[in-house]
Amino acid sequence: MHIILGLALAFVFVAILSKREMRNCRWRRNSRRDRSGDIYWMCAYCGAELFQKSEQLPKTCERSKHDV
């Protein structure tokens, strides 16, 4: 019983603390499209493209910038 309650609480905390704007983002790196020190990232969910210096996954969703 304690395990089920703990798992339920963990799920609720993850749902509350997760960034809603990043929930569907699936960033993929394509090193063939890198250019002069910038790393190319593409979101498999919405198709947004981004170049950045860092090798860490992007922390913001670029979808709203590409919607018309």
N, C-alpha and C. Protein backbone atom coordinates (compact mmCIF):
# COMPACT_ATOMS: atom_id res chain seq x y z
N MET A 1 0.82 -1.19 0.00
CA MET A 1 0.00 0.00 0.00
C MET A 1 0.86 1.26 0.00
N HIS A 2 1.95 1.27 0.78
CA HIS A 2 2.83 2.42 0.84
C HIS A 2 3.53 2.66 -0.50
N ILE A 3 3.85 1.58 -1.17
CA ILE A 3 4.52 1.70 -2.47
C ILE A 3 3.59 2.35 -3.48
N ILE A 4 2.36 1.92 -3.51
CA ILE A 4 1.39 2.49 -4.45
C ILE A 4 1.15 3.97 -4.16
N LEU A 5 1.02 4.31 -2.90
CA LEU A 5 0.84 5.71 -2.53
C LEU A 5 2.07 6.54 -2.90
N GLY A 6 3.25 6.00 -2.67
CA GLY A 6 4.49 6.70 -3.03
C GLY A 6 4.60 6.91 -4.53
N LEU A 7 4.26 5.90 -5.32
CA LEU A 7 4.30 6.04 -6.78
C LEU A 7 3.27 7.06 -7.26
N ALA A 8 2.11 7.07 -6.67
CA ALA A 8 1.08 8.04 -7.05
C ALA A 8 1.55 9.47 -6.74
N LEU A 9 2.13 9.66 -5.57
CA LEU A 9 2.65 10.99 -5.21
C LEU A 9 3.78 11.42 -6.14
N ALA A 10 4.67 10.49 -6.47
CA ALA A 10 5.77 10.81 -7.38
C ALA A 10 5.23 11.22 -8.74
N PHE A 11 4.23 10.53 -9.24
CA PHE A 11 3.63 10.87 -10.52
C PHE A 11 3.01 12.27 -10.48
N VAL A 12 2.32 12.59 -9.41
CA VAL A 12 1.70 13.91 -9.27
C VAL A 12 2.76 15.00 -9.23
N PHE A 13 3.84 14.79 -8.49
CA PHE A 13 4.91 15.79 -8.41
C PHE A 13 5.59 15.99 -9.76
N VAL A 14 5.83 14.92 -10.48
CA VAL A 14 6.43 15.04 -11.81
C VAL A 14 5.50 15.81 -12.74
N ALA A 15 4.23 15.52 -12.69
CA ALA A 15 3.27 16.23 -13.54
C ALA A 15 3.19 17.71 -13.20
N ILE A 16 3.27 18.04 -11.93
CA ILE A 16 3.19 19.44 -11.50
C ILE A 16 4.47 20.19 -11.85
N LEU A 17 5.62 19.57 -11.63
CA LEU A 17 6.90 20.26 -11.81
C LEU A 17 7.41 20.26 -13.25
N SER A 18 6.86 19.40 -14.10
CA SER A 18 7.34 19.37 -15.48
C SER A 18 6.90 20.63 -16.20
N LYS A 19 7.71 21.05 -17.14
CA LYS A 19 7.38 22.25 -17.91
C LYS A 19 6.35 21.88 -18.96
N ARG A 20 5.19 22.46 -18.85
CA ARG A 20 4.11 22.15 -19.78
C ARG A 20 4.49 22.50 -21.23
N GLU A 21 5.21 23.60 -21.41
CA GLU A 21 5.58 24.02 -22.76
C GLU A 21 6.62 23.11 -23.40
N MET A 22 7.26 22.25 -22.62
CA MET A 22 8.27 21.33 -23.16
C MET A 22 7.78 19.88 -23.17
N ARG A 23 6.54 19.66 -22.81
CA ARG A 23 6.06 18.29 -22.63
C ARG A 23 6.17 17.45 -23.90
N ASN A 24 5.87 18.01 -25.06
CA ASN A 24 5.87 17.22 -26.29
C ASN A 24 7.17 17.34 -27.09
N CYS A 25 8.08 18.20 -26.67
CA CYS A 25 9.31 18.39 -27.43
C CYS A 25 10.18 17.14 -27.42
N ARG A 26 10.70 16.80 -28.58
CA ARG A 26 11.60 15.66 -28.74
C ARG A 26 12.78 16.14 -29.58
N TRP A 27 13.74 16.77 -28.90
CA TRP A 27 14.88 17.35 -29.60
C TRP A 27 15.84 16.26 -30.04
N ARG A 28 16.26 16.34 -31.31
CA ARG A 28 17.24 15.42 -31.89
C ARG A 28 18.38 16.22 -32.48
N ARG A 29 19.59 15.76 -32.25
CA ARG A 29 20.77 16.43 -32.80
C ARG A 29 21.11 15.80 -34.14
N ASN A 30 21.44 16.64 -35.11
CA ASN A 30 21.88 16.17 -36.42
C ASN A 30 23.23 16.81 -36.69
N SER A 31 24.30 16.09 -36.38
CA SER A 31 25.64 16.67 -36.48
C SER A 31 26.05 16.95 -37.93
N ARG A 32 25.40 16.35 -38.90
CA ARG A 32 25.72 16.63 -40.31
C ARG A 32 25.32 18.05 -40.70
N ARG A 33 24.40 18.65 -39.95
CA ARG A 33 23.95 20.01 -40.28
C ARG A 33 24.59 21.07 -39.38
N ASP A 34 25.54 20.66 -38.51
CA ASP A 34 26.25 21.63 -37.68
C ASP A 34 27.01 22.61 -38.58
N ARG A 35 27.21 23.83 -38.07
CA ARG A 35 27.97 24.82 -38.86
C ARG A 35 28.80 25.69 -37.94
N SER A 36 30.02 25.85 -38.26
CA SER A 36 30.99 26.74 -37.60
C SER A 36 30.76 26.91 -36.10
N GLY A 37 30.79 25.82 -35.37
CA GLY A 37 30.68 25.89 -33.92
C GLY A 37 29.26 25.86 -33.37
N ASP A 38 28.26 25.98 -34.24
CA ASP A 38 26.87 25.91 -33.80
C ASP A 38 26.35 24.49 -34.00
N ILE A 39 25.59 24.01 -33.05
CA ILE A 39 25.05 22.65 -33.10
C ILE A 39 23.59 22.73 -33.55
N TYR A 40 23.24 21.89 -34.50
CA TYR A 40 21.89 21.87 -35.07
C TYR A 40 21.00 20.92 -34.28
N TRP A 41 19.82 21.40 -33.89
CA TRP A 41 18.82 20.60 -33.19
C TRP A 41 17.50 20.72 -33.95
N MET A 42 16.75 19.62 -34.01
CA MET A 42 15.43 19.64 -34.61
C MET A 42 14.45 18.91 -33.69
N CYS A 43 13.26 19.47 -33.52
CA CYS A 43 12.24 18.84 -32.70
C CYS A 43 11.47 17.85 -33.57
N ALA A 44 11.47 16.59 -33.16
CA ALA A 44 10.76 15.55 -33.91
C ALA A 44 9.25 15.71 -33.78
N TYR A 45 8.77 16.44 -32.79
CA TYR A 45 7.34 16.61 -32.57
C TYR A 45 6.76 17.71 -33.46
N CYS A 46 7.37 18.89 -33.43
CA CYS A 46 6.77 20.03 -34.15
C CYS A 46 7.59 20.49 -35.36
N GLY A 47 8.81 19.97 -35.50
CA GLY A 47 9.63 20.34 -36.65
C GLY A 47 10.44 21.62 -36.47
N ALA A 48 10.44 22.20 -35.29
CA ALA A 48 11.21 23.42 -35.04
C ALA A 48 12.70 23.11 -35.18
N GLU A 49 13.45 24.06 -35.71
CA GLU A 49 14.89 23.91 -35.88
C GLU A 49 15.61 24.97 -35.08
N LEU A 50 16.79 24.62 -34.56
CA LEU A 50 17.50 25.54 -33.69
C LEU A 50 19.00 25.28 -33.81
N PHE A 51 19.79 26.34 -33.85
CA PHE A 51 21.24 26.26 -33.75
C PHE A 51 21.64 26.86 -32.41
N GLN A 52 22.50 26.18 -31.68
CA GLN A 52 23.00 26.72 -30.41
C GLN A 52 24.41 26.23 -30.18
N LYS A 53 25.12 26.92 -29.29
CA LYS A 53 26.52 26.60 -29.00
C LYS A 53 26.67 25.38 -28.10
N SER A 54 25.74 25.20 -27.19
CA SER A 54 25.84 24.15 -26.18
C SER A 54 25.41 22.79 -26.74
N GLU A 55 26.03 21.73 -26.21
CA GLU A 55 25.64 20.38 -26.59
C GLU A 55 24.49 19.85 -25.75
N GLN A 56 24.02 20.63 -24.78
CA GLN A 56 22.89 20.22 -23.97
C GLN A 56 21.59 20.39 -24.76
N LEU A 57 20.61 19.56 -24.43
CA LEU A 57 19.32 19.68 -25.09
C LEU A 57 18.74 21.07 -24.89
N PRO A 58 18.07 21.62 -25.89
CA PRO A 58 17.42 22.92 -25.72
C PRO A 58 16.43 22.88 -24.56
N LYS A 59 16.31 24.00 -23.86
CA LYS A 59 15.47 24.06 -22.67
C LYS A 59 14.14 24.77 -22.93
N THR A 60 13.96 25.30 -24.12
CA THR A 60 12.70 25.98 -24.44
C THR A 60 12.11 25.38 -25.70
N CYS A 61 10.82 25.48 -25.81
CA CYS A 61 10.13 25.01 -27.00
C CYS A 61 10.13 26.13 -28.04
N GLU A 62 10.54 25.82 -29.22
CA GLU A 62 10.61 26.82 -30.29
C GLU A 62 9.35 26.80 -31.16
N ARG A 63 8.39 25.97 -30.82
CA ARG A 63 7.18 25.79 -31.63
C ARG A 63 6.43 27.10 -31.82
N SER A 64 6.26 27.87 -30.75
CA SER A 64 5.48 29.11 -30.85
C SER A 64 6.15 30.13 -31.75
N LYS A 65 7.46 30.08 -31.89
CA LYS A 65 8.17 31.02 -32.75
C LYS A 65 7.96 30.67 -34.22
N HIS A 66 7.58 29.40 -34.51
CA HIS A 66 7.44 28.97 -35.89
C HIS A 66 5.98 28.90 -36.33
N ASP A 67 5.04 28.97 -35.39
CA ASP A 67 3.63 28.95 -35.74
C ASP A 67 3.24 30.28 -36.35
N VAL A 68 2.41 30.22 -37.36
CA VAL A 68 1.98 31.45 -38.04
C VAL A 68 0.51 31.66 -37.80
